[in-house]
Amino acid sequence: MTDRLTQLQACLDQLVAQFNATINYINTQSDMALLDEDPQSTVNLAAKAPLPGKKESEVSGGEEGMSRETGILQEQAGQGFENVVNELSTDIILKSRQISMIIDSLPGIGTLPETQLKVIGELLKELEEAEQARLRLVKEKDQLLEWCESLIVDVSQGIYKTRL
């Protein structure tokens, strides 16, 4: 398991990615909002203008031609959009809570520097003891390996002598 600061950095990176994905989704999937209060203002009409190379009927579908089925489909699409936005918002809230929990587990302002230094000293001592134990075990492994090699050589020489 990684240390808390690495976990915190990973969670912050994930939160930024979630924010980015949410904003991108809303930007690409939401309906356009009016720029002015008056729907017939020049600004709103310009924003609703068809893209170059497309007919107006392709873009808006024509208000007169909008059937009841089209309205139902748009309502379902709106509900789907709301559901996705709610899910993305929930994910952001959960990630924020996870970050808060990690931050709360870090030594805070209430911990004295002397206490933190004492804990660091104890951890350093444990690390030195673990390193000494590791070196001792590596040395023991090397001795056992040499012993096994000598046994193999003795056995192979014994087999060689019996075959002569």
N, C-alpha and C. Protein backbone atom coordinates (compact mmCIF):
# COMPACT_ATOMS: atom_id res chain seq x y z
N MET A 1 0.85 -1.18 0.00
CA MET A 1 0.00 0.00 0.00
C MET A 1 0.89 1.24 0.00
N THR A 2 0.45 2.23 -0.69
CA THR A 2 1.25 3.45 -0.80
C THR A 2 1.02 4.33 0.42
N ASP A 3 1.91 5.29 0.58
CA ASP A 3 1.77 6.19 1.72
C ASP A 3 0.62 7.17 1.49
N ARG A 4 0.25 7.88 2.53
CA ARG A 4 -0.94 8.73 2.48
C ARG A 4 -0.80 9.90 1.51
N LEU A 5 0.40 10.46 1.43
CA LEU A 5 0.58 11.59 0.51
C LEU A 5 0.44 11.15 -0.95
N THR A 6 0.95 9.95 -1.26
CA THR A 6 0.79 9.43 -2.61
C THR A 6 -0.68 9.14 -2.90
N GLN A 7 -1.39 8.59 -1.91
CA GLN A 7 -2.82 8.35 -2.06
C GLN A 7 -3.56 9.68 -2.28
N LEU A 8 -3.17 10.68 -1.51
CA LEU A 8 -3.81 11.99 -1.64
C LEU A 8 -3.59 12.57 -3.03
N GLN A 9 -2.36 12.47 -3.53
CA GLN A 9 -2.07 12.98 -4.87
C GLN A 9 -2.85 12.23 -5.93
N ALA A 10 -2.93 10.90 -5.80
CA ALA A 10 -3.69 10.10 -6.76
C ALA A 10 -5.18 10.48 -6.73
N CYS A 11 -5.71 10.67 -5.54
CA CYS A 11 -7.13 11.05 -5.42
C CYS A 11 -7.38 12.44 -6.00
N LEU A 12 -6.47 13.36 -5.78
CA LEU A 12 -6.62 14.70 -6.35
C LEU A 12 -6.57 14.64 -7.88
N ASP A 13 -5.66 13.82 -8.42
CA ASP A 13 -5.60 13.65 -9.87
C ASP A 13 -6.91 13.08 -10.41
N GLN A 14 -7.45 12.08 -9.69
CA GLN A 14 -8.72 11.48 -10.11
C GLN A 14 -9.86 12.50 -10.03
N LEU A 15 -9.85 13.33 -8.99
CA LEU A 15 -10.89 14.35 -8.84
C LEU A 15 -10.83 15.36 -9.98
N VAL A 16 -9.63 15.77 -10.34
CA VAL A 16 -9.48 16.71 -11.46
C VAL A 16 -9.99 16.06 -12.75
N ALA A 17 -9.66 14.78 -12.95
CA ALA A 17 -10.14 14.08 -14.14
C ALA A 17 -11.67 13.98 -14.14
N GLN A 18 -12.26 13.74 -12.96
CA GLN A 18 -13.71 13.67 -12.87
C GLN A 18 -14.35 15.03 -13.17
N PHE A 19 -13.76 16.10 -12.63
CA PHE A 19 -14.26 17.44 -12.94
C PHE A 19 -14.21 17.69 -14.44
N ASN A 20 -13.08 17.36 -15.04
CA ASN A 20 -12.89 17.57 -16.47
C ASN A 20 -13.92 16.78 -17.27
N ALA A 21 -14.11 15.50 -16.92
CA ALA A 21 -15.07 14.66 -17.64
C ALA A 21 -16.49 15.19 -17.48
N THR A 22 -16.82 15.65 -16.28
CA THR A 22 -18.17 16.17 -16.03
C THR A 22 -18.42 17.44 -16.84
N ILE A 23 -17.47 18.36 -16.81
CA ILE A 23 -17.64 19.60 -17.56
C ILE A 23 -17.71 19.31 -19.06
N ASN A 24 -16.87 18.40 -19.54
CA ASN A 24 -16.90 18.04 -20.95
C ASN A 24 -18.24 17.42 -21.33
N TYR A 25 -18.76 16.53 -20.49
CA TYR A 25 -20.06 15.90 -20.77
C TYR A 25 -21.17 16.94 -20.81
N ILE A 26 -21.19 17.81 -19.82
CA ILE A 26 -22.24 18.84 -19.77
C ILE A 26 -22.11 19.77 -20.98
N ASN A 27 -20.89 20.11 -21.34
CA ASN A 27 -20.66 21.01 -22.46
C ASN A 27 -21.12 20.40 -23.78
N THR A 28 -20.89 19.10 -23.96
CA THR A 28 -21.23 18.48 -25.24
C THR A 28 -22.65 17.94 -25.30
N GLN A 29 -23.25 17.59 -24.16
CA GLN A 29 -24.55 16.92 -24.18
C GLN A 29 -25.73 17.78 -23.76
N SER A 30 -25.50 18.93 -23.16
CA SER A 30 -26.63 19.72 -22.67
C SER A 30 -27.24 20.55 -23.80
N ASP A 31 -28.49 20.94 -23.58
CA ASP A 31 -29.16 21.84 -24.52
C ASP A 31 -28.56 23.24 -24.36
N MET A 32 -28.60 23.97 -25.44
CA MET A 32 -28.08 25.33 -25.39
C MET A 32 -29.03 26.22 -24.60
N ALA A 33 -28.48 27.07 -23.78
CA ALA A 33 -29.28 28.01 -22.98
C ALA A 33 -29.39 29.33 -23.74
N LEU A 34 -30.43 30.06 -23.45
CA LEU A 34 -30.60 31.38 -24.05
C LEU A 34 -29.55 32.34 -23.50
N LEU A 35 -29.04 33.19 -24.36
CA LEU A 35 -28.03 34.15 -23.94
C LEU A 35 -28.66 35.42 -23.37
N ASP A 36 -29.87 35.72 -23.79
CA ASP A 36 -30.64 36.85 -23.29
C ASP A 36 -31.97 36.33 -22.76
N GLU A 37 -32.68 37.20 -22.03
CA GLU A 37 -34.00 36.81 -21.54
C GLU A 37 -35.01 36.75 -22.67
N ASP A 38 -34.82 37.56 -23.69
CA ASP A 38 -35.74 37.61 -24.82
C ASP A 38 -35.35 36.55 -25.85
N PRO A 39 -36.21 35.53 -26.08
CA PRO A 39 -35.86 34.48 -27.03
C PRO A 39 -35.73 34.99 -28.46
N GLN A 40 -36.33 36.14 -28.78
CA GLN A 40 -36.27 36.66 -30.14
C GLN A 40 -35.17 37.71 -30.33
N SER A 41 -34.28 37.84 -29.34
CA SER A 41 -33.21 38.83 -29.48
C SER A 41 -32.22 38.40 -30.55
N THR A 42 -31.48 39.35 -31.05
CA THR A 42 -30.52 39.08 -32.12
C THR A 42 -29.46 38.08 -31.67
N VAL A 43 -29.02 38.20 -30.44
CA VAL A 43 -27.98 37.30 -29.92
C VAL A 43 -28.48 35.86 -29.90
N ASN A 44 -29.70 35.65 -29.40
CA ASN A 44 -30.25 34.30 -29.34
C ASN A 44 -30.53 33.73 -30.73
N LEU A 45 -31.02 34.57 -31.63
CA LEU A 45 -31.27 34.10 -32.99
C LEU A 45 -29.97 33.73 -33.69
N ALA A 46 -28.91 34.50 -33.45
CA ALA A 46 -27.61 34.19 -34.05
C ALA A 46 -27.05 32.90 -33.48
N ALA A 47 -27.26 32.65 -32.19
CA ALA A 47 -26.76 31.43 -31.57
C ALA A 47 -27.49 30.20 -32.10
N LYS A 48 -28.78 30.38 -32.48
CA LYS A 48 -29.56 29.25 -33.00
C LYS A 48 -29.42 29.08 -34.50
N ALA A 49 -28.67 29.94 -35.15
CA ALA A 49 -28.53 29.89 -36.61
C ALA A 49 -27.92 28.55 -37.01
N PRO A 50 -28.35 28.02 -38.17
CA PRO A 50 -27.79 26.74 -38.62
C PRO A 50 -26.32 26.88 -38.98
N LEU A 51 -25.61 25.79 -38.83
CA LEU A 51 -24.20 25.77 -39.19
C LEU A 51 -24.07 25.89 -40.70
N PRO A 52 -22.96 26.44 -41.19
CA PRO A 52 -22.77 26.56 -42.64
C PRO A 52 -22.82 25.18 -43.30
N GLY A 53 -23.55 25.09 -44.40
CA GLY A 53 -23.64 23.82 -45.12
C GLY A 53 -24.79 22.95 -44.68
N LYS A 54 -25.54 23.35 -43.66
CA LYS A 54 -26.68 22.57 -43.19
C LYS A 54 -27.95 23.38 -43.38
N LYS A 55 -29.00 22.66 -43.68
CA LYS A 55 -30.29 23.32 -43.81
C LYS A 55 -30.89 23.53 -42.43
N GLU A 56 -31.78 24.49 -42.31
CA GLU A 56 -32.39 24.78 -41.02
C GLU A 56 -33.20 23.60 -40.51
N SER A 57 -33.81 22.85 -41.41
CA SER A 57 -34.63 21.71 -40.99
C SER A 57 -33.76 20.61 -40.39
N GLU A 58 -32.50 20.50 -40.84
CA GLU A 58 -31.60 19.49 -40.27
C GLU A 58 -31.19 19.85 -38.86
N VAL A 59 -31.03 21.15 -38.60
CA VAL A 59 -30.56 21.60 -37.30
C VAL A 59 -31.68 21.59 -36.27
N SER A 60 -32.79 22.27 -36.59
CA SER A 60 -33.85 22.42 -35.60
C SER A 60 -34.98 21.43 -35.78
N GLY A 61 -35.14 20.88 -36.94
CA GLY A 61 -36.22 19.96 -37.20
C GLY A 61 -37.52 20.70 -37.48
N GLY A 62 -37.54 22.01 -37.42
CA GLY A 62 -38.75 22.79 -37.68
C GLY A 62 -39.72 22.67 -36.53
N GLU A 63 -40.11 23.81 -35.98
CA GLU A 63 -41.00 23.78 -34.82
C GLU A 63 -42.37 23.23 -35.18
N GLU A 64 -42.84 23.49 -36.40
CA GLU A 64 -44.16 23.02 -36.78
C GLU A 64 -44.18 21.50 -36.92
N GLY A 65 -43.08 20.93 -37.35
CA GLY A 65 -43.03 19.49 -37.60
C GLY A 65 -42.77 18.67 -36.35
N MET A 66 -42.61 19.31 -35.21
CA MET A 66 -42.30 18.57 -33.99
C MET A 66 -43.54 17.81 -33.54
N SER A 67 -43.43 16.52 -33.50
CA SER A 67 -44.57 15.70 -33.12
C SER A 67 -44.51 15.37 -31.63
N ARG A 68 -45.55 14.71 -31.21
CA ARG A 68 -45.63 14.29 -29.80
C ARG A 68 -44.52 13.29 -29.48
N GLU A 69 -44.22 12.41 -30.42
CA GLU A 69 -43.17 11.40 -30.22
C GLU A 69 -41.81 12.07 -30.04
N THR A 70 -41.54 13.08 -30.82
CA THR A 70 -40.28 13.80 -30.69
C THR A 70 -40.17 14.45 -29.32
N GLY A 71 -41.27 15.01 -28.84
CA GLY A 71 -41.28 15.61 -27.51
C GLY A 71 -41.00 14.58 -26.43
N ILE A 72 -41.57 13.38 -26.57
CA ILE A 72 -41.32 12.31 -25.59
C ILE A 72 -39.86 11.89 -25.62
N LEU A 73 -39.31 11.76 -26.83
CA LEU A 73 -37.90 11.37 -26.95
C LEU A 73 -37.00 12.42 -26.32
N GLN A 74 -37.31 13.69 -26.52
CA GLN A 74 -36.49 14.74 -25.92
C GLN A 74 -36.61 14.73 -24.41
N GLU A 75 -37.81 14.44 -23.91
CA GLU A 75 -38.00 14.37 -22.46
C GLU A 75 -37.20 13.22 -21.87
N GLN A 76 -37.20 12.06 -22.55
CA GLN A 76 -36.42 10.92 -22.08
C GLN A 76 -34.93 11.22 -22.14
N ALA A 77 -34.51 11.90 -23.21
CA ALA A 77 -33.10 12.28 -23.32
C ALA A 77 -32.72 13.24 -22.20
N GLY A 78 -33.64 14.16 -21.87
CA GLY A 78 -33.39 15.09 -20.77
C GLY A 78 -33.27 14.37 -19.44
N GLN A 79 -34.12 13.37 -19.22
CA GLN A 79 -34.04 12.59 -17.98
C GLN A 79 -32.74 11.80 -17.93
N GLY A 80 -32.33 11.24 -19.08
CA GLY A 80 -31.06 10.51 -19.13
C GLY A 80 -29.89 11.43 -18.84
N PHE A 81 -29.95 12.64 -19.39
CA PHE A 81 -28.91 13.63 -19.13
C PHE A 81 -28.85 13.96 -17.65
N GLU A 82 -30.01 14.19 -17.05
CA GLU A 82 -30.07 14.50 -15.61
C GLU A 82 -29.52 13.35 -14.78
N ASN A 83 -29.85 12.12 -15.16
CA ASN A 83 -29.35 10.95 -14.43
C ASN A 83 -27.83 10.86 -14.50
N VAL A 84 -27.28 11.09 -15.68
CA VAL A 84 -25.82 11.04 -15.83
C VAL A 84 -25.16 12.16 -15.04
N VAL A 85 -25.73 13.35 -15.08
CA VAL A 85 -25.17 14.48 -14.32
C VAL A 85 -25.24 14.18 -12.82
N ASN A 86 -26.35 13.60 -12.36
CA ASN A 86 -26.46 13.23 -10.94
C ASN A 86 -25.42 12.18 -10.57
N GLU A 87 -25.19 11.20 -11.44
CA GLU A 87 -24.19 10.18 -11.16
C GLU A 87 -22.79 10.78 -11.13
N LEU A 88 -22.49 11.64 -12.08
CA LEU A 88 -21.17 12.29 -12.09
C LEU A 88 -20.98 13.16 -10.85
N SER A 89 -22.03 13.84 -10.43
CA SER A 89 -21.96 14.68 -9.23
C SER A 89 -21.72 13.82 -7.99
N THR A 90 -22.41 12.68 -7.92
CA THR A 90 -22.22 11.76 -6.79
C THR A 90 -20.79 11.25 -6.75
N ASP A 91 -20.23 10.92 -7.92
CA ASP A 91 -18.83 10.46 -7.96
C ASP A 91 -17.88 11.54 -7.45
N ILE A 92 -18.13 12.78 -7.83
CA ILE A 92 -17.28 13.88 -7.37
C ILE A 92 -17.40 14.05 -5.86
N ILE A 93 -18.61 13.94 -5.33
CA ILE A 93 -18.82 14.08 -3.88
C ILE A 93 -18.11 12.96 -3.14
N LEU A 94 -18.23 11.73 -3.63
CA LEU A 94 -17.56 10.59 -2.97
C LEU A 94 -16.05 10.76 -2.99
N LYS A 95 -15.51 11.20 -4.11
CA LYS A 95 -14.06 11.40 -4.20
C LYS A 95 -13.62 12.51 -3.26
N SER A 96 -14.43 13.56 -3.14
CA SER A 96 -14.10 14.65 -2.21
C SER A 96 -14.09 14.16 -0.77
N ARG A 97 -15.04 13.31 -0.43
CA ARG A 97 -15.07 12.75 0.92
C ARG A 97 -13.86 11.86 1.17
N GLN A 98 -13.48 11.07 0.16
CA GLN A 98 -12.29 10.23 0.30
C GLN A 98 -11.05 11.10 0.53
N ILE A 99 -10.94 12.20 -0.19
CA ILE A 99 -9.81 13.11 0.00
C ILE A 99 -9.84 13.70 1.40
N SER A 100 -11.02 14.07 1.88
CA SER A 100 -11.14 14.62 3.24
C SER A 100 -10.69 13.61 4.28
N MET A 101 -11.06 12.34 4.08
CA MET A 101 -10.65 11.30 5.04
C MET A 101 -9.13 11.13 5.04
N ILE A 102 -8.51 11.17 3.87
CA ILE A 102 -7.06 11.04 3.80
C ILE A 102 -6.40 12.23 4.47
N ILE A 103 -6.92 13.43 4.23
CA ILE A 103 -6.36 14.63 4.85
C ILE A 103 -6.49 14.55 6.37
N ASP A 104 -7.65 14.07 6.85
CA ASP A 104 -7.85 13.95 8.29
C ASP A 104 -6.90 12.95 8.93
N SER A 105 -6.44 11.96 8.15
CA SER A 105 -5.53 10.95 8.71
C SER A 105 -4.08 11.44 8.75
N LEU A 106 -3.79 12.55 8.09
CA LEU A 106 -2.44 13.11 8.12
C LEU A 106 -2.20 13.80 9.46
N PRO A 107 -0.93 13.82 9.91
CA PRO A 107 -0.65 14.55 11.15
C PRO A 107 -0.92 16.03 10.91
N GLY A 108 -1.72 16.60 11.78
CA GLY A 108 -2.19 17.95 11.54
C GLY A 108 -1.50 18.99 12.38
N ILE A 109 -2.14 20.14 12.43
CA ILE A 109 -1.61 21.27 13.16
C ILE A 109 -1.56 20.97 14.65
N GLY A 110 -2.48 20.14 15.13
CA GLY A 110 -2.54 19.82 16.55
C GLY A 110 -1.39 18.96 17.04
N THR A 111 -0.61 18.38 16.14
CA THR A 111 0.51 17.54 16.52
C THR A 111 1.76 18.42 16.66
N LEU A 112 2.42 18.30 17.79
CA LEU A 112 3.62 19.10 18.03
C LEU A 112 4.77 18.62 17.16
N PRO A 113 5.64 19.52 16.74
CA PRO A 113 6.80 19.12 15.94
C PRO A 113 7.69 18.11 16.67
N GLU A 114 7.79 18.25 18.00
CA GLU A 114 8.61 17.31 18.78
C GLU A 114 8.03 15.91 18.68
N THR A 115 6.71 15.81 18.73
CA THR A 115 6.06 14.50 18.62
C THR A 115 6.30 13.91 17.24
N GLN A 116 6.20 14.73 16.21
CA GLN A 116 6.44 14.24 14.86
C GLN A 116 7.89 13.79 14.70
N LEU A 117 8.84 14.55 15.26
CA LEU A 117 10.25 14.16 15.18
C LEU A 117 10.50 12.86 15.94
N LYS A 118 9.82 12.69 17.07
CA LYS A 118 9.96 11.46 17.85
C LYS A 118 9.46 10.26 17.04
N VAL A 119 8.31 10.41 16.39
CA VAL A 119 7.77 9.32 15.57
C VAL A 119 8.71 9.02 14.41
N ILE A 120 9.25 10.06 13.78
CA ILE A 120 10.20 9.86 12.68
C ILE A 120 11.44 9.14 13.18
N GLY A 121 11.93 9.51 14.36
CA GLY A 121 13.09 8.83 14.94
C GLY A 121 12.82 7.36 15.20
N GLU A 122 11.64 7.05 15.74
CA GLU A 122 11.27 5.65 15.99
C GLU A 122 11.19 4.87 14.68
N LEU A 123 10.60 5.48 13.68
CA LEU A 123 10.50 4.82 12.38
C LEU A 123 11.87 4.61 11.75
N LEU A 124 12.76 5.58 11.93
CA LEU A 124 14.12 5.45 11.41
C LEU A 124 14.85 4.31 12.11
N LYS A 125 14.65 4.20 13.43
CA LYS A 125 15.28 3.12 14.18
C LYS A 125 14.74 1.76 13.71
N GLU A 126 13.43 1.67 13.50
CA GLU A 126 12.85 0.43 12.99
C GLU A 126 13.41 0.08 11.62
N LEU A 127 13.58 1.10 10.78
CA LEU A 127 14.12 0.88 9.45
C LEU A 127 15.55 0.37 9.51
N GLU A 128 16.36 0.93 10.40
CA GLU A 128 17.74 0.47 10.55
C GLU A 128 17.79 -0.97 11.04
N GLU A 129 16.91 -1.32 12.00
CA GLU A 129 16.86 -2.69 12.50
C GLU A 129 16.44 -3.65 11.39
N ALA A 130 15.47 -3.25 10.59
CA ALA A 130 15.01 -4.10 9.49
C ALA A 130 16.12 -4.28 8.45
N GLU A 131 16.89 -3.22 8.20
CA GLU A 131 17.99 -3.31 7.24
C GLU A 131 19.09 -4.24 7.77
N GLN A 132 19.39 -4.15 9.07
CA GLN A 132 20.38 -5.05 9.66
C GLN A 132 19.91 -6.50 9.57
N ALA A 133 18.64 -6.74 9.84
CA ALA A 133 18.10 -8.10 9.74
C ALA A 133 18.18 -8.59 8.29
N ARG A 134 17.89 -7.72 7.34
CA ARG A 134 17.97 -8.10 5.93
C ARG A 134 19.39 -8.46 5.54
N LEU A 135 20.36 -7.63 5.97
CA LEU A 135 21.76 -7.93 5.65
C LEU A 135 22.21 -9.24 6.28
N ARG A 136 21.77 -9.50 7.52
CA ARG A 136 22.10 -10.75 8.19
C ARG A 136 21.52 -11.95 7.42
N LEU A 137 20.29 -11.82 6.96
CA LEU A 137 19.66 -12.91 6.21
C LEU A 137 20.30 -13.09 4.83
N VAL A 138 20.74 -12.01 4.20
CA VAL A 138 21.44 -12.13 2.92
C VAL A 138 22.76 -12.86 3.12
N LYS A 139 23.45 -12.53 4.21
CA LYS A 139 24.72 -13.19 4.50
C LYS A 139 24.49 -14.68 4.76
N GLU A 140 23.44 -15.00 5.52
CA GLU A 140 23.10 -16.40 5.79
C GLU A 140 22.74 -17.14 4.50
N LYS A 141 22.02 -16.47 3.61
CA LYS A 141 21.65 -17.06 2.32
C LYS A 141 22.91 -17.37 1.50
N ASP A 142 23.86 -16.44 1.49
CA ASP A 142 25.10 -16.66 0.74
C ASP A 142 25.87 -17.84 1.30
N GLN A 143 25.91 -17.96 2.64
CA GLN A 143 26.60 -19.10 3.26
C GLN A 143 25.91 -20.41 2.90
N LEU A 144 24.59 -20.44 2.94
CA LEU A 144 23.86 -21.65 2.58
C LEU A 144 24.05 -21.99 1.11
N LEU A 145 24.13 -20.99 0.27
CA LEU A 145 24.35 -21.22 -1.15
C LEU A 145 25.74 -21.82 -1.38
N GLU A 146 26.75 -21.30 -0.69
CA GLU A 146 28.10 -21.87 -0.81
C GLU A 146 28.12 -23.31 -0.32
N TRP A 147 27.41 -23.59 0.78
CA TRP A 147 27.35 -24.94 1.32
C TRP A 147 26.68 -25.88 0.31
N CYS A 148 25.58 -25.43 -0.30
CA CYS A 148 24.90 -26.25 -1.31
C CYS A 148 25.80 -26.49 -2.52
N GLU A 149 26.51 -25.48 -2.94
CA GLU A 149 27.42 -25.63 -4.07
C GLU A 149 28.51 -26.65 -3.76
N SER A 150 29.05 -26.59 -2.53
CA SER A 150 30.09 -27.56 -2.16
C SER A 150 29.52 -28.97 -2.10
N LEU A 151 28.29 -29.13 -1.64
CA LEU A 151 27.65 -30.45 -1.63
C LEU A 151 27.47 -30.98 -3.05
N ILE A 152 27.05 -30.11 -3.94
CA ILE A 152 26.86 -30.53 -5.33
C ILE A 152 28.19 -30.95 -5.94
N VAL A 153 29.24 -30.18 -5.67
CA VAL A 153 30.57 -30.53 -6.19
C VAL A 153 31.02 -31.87 -5.62
N ASP A 154 30.84 -32.09 -4.30
CA ASP A 154 31.23 -33.36 -3.68
C ASP A 154 30.46 -34.54 -4.27
N VAL A 155 29.16 -34.37 -4.46
CA VAL A 155 28.35 -35.46 -5.03
C VAL A 155 28.77 -35.74 -6.46
N SER A 156 29.00 -34.69 -7.24
CA SER A 156 29.39 -34.90 -8.63
C SER A 156 30.77 -35.54 -8.73
N GLN A 157 31.69 -35.18 -7.82
CA GLN A 157 33.02 -35.81 -7.82
C GLN A 157 32.91 -37.28 -7.41
N GLY A 158 32.03 -37.56 -6.43
CA GLY A 158 31.83 -38.95 -6.02
C GLY A 158 31.27 -39.79 -7.15
N ILE A 159 30.32 -39.25 -7.89
CA ILE A 159 29.74 -39.98 -9.02
C ILE A 159 30.79 -40.16 -10.10
N TYR A 160 31.60 -39.14 -10.33
CA TYR A 160 32.64 -39.22 -11.35
C TYR A 160 33.65 -40.32 -11.01
N LYS A 161 34.05 -40.40 -9.71
CA LYS A 161 35.04 -41.40 -9.29
C LYS A 161 34.48 -42.82 -9.41
N THR A 162 33.19 -43.00 -9.18
CA THR A 162 32.62 -44.35 -9.28
C THR A 162 32.48 -44.78 -10.72
N ARG A 163 32.47 -43.88 -11.65
CA ARG A 163 32.31 -44.20 -13.07
C ARG A 163 33.64 -44.51 -13.74
N LEU A 164 34.72 -44.21 -13.09
CA LEU A 164 36.03 -44.47 -13.71
C LEU A 164 36.39 -45.88 -13.71
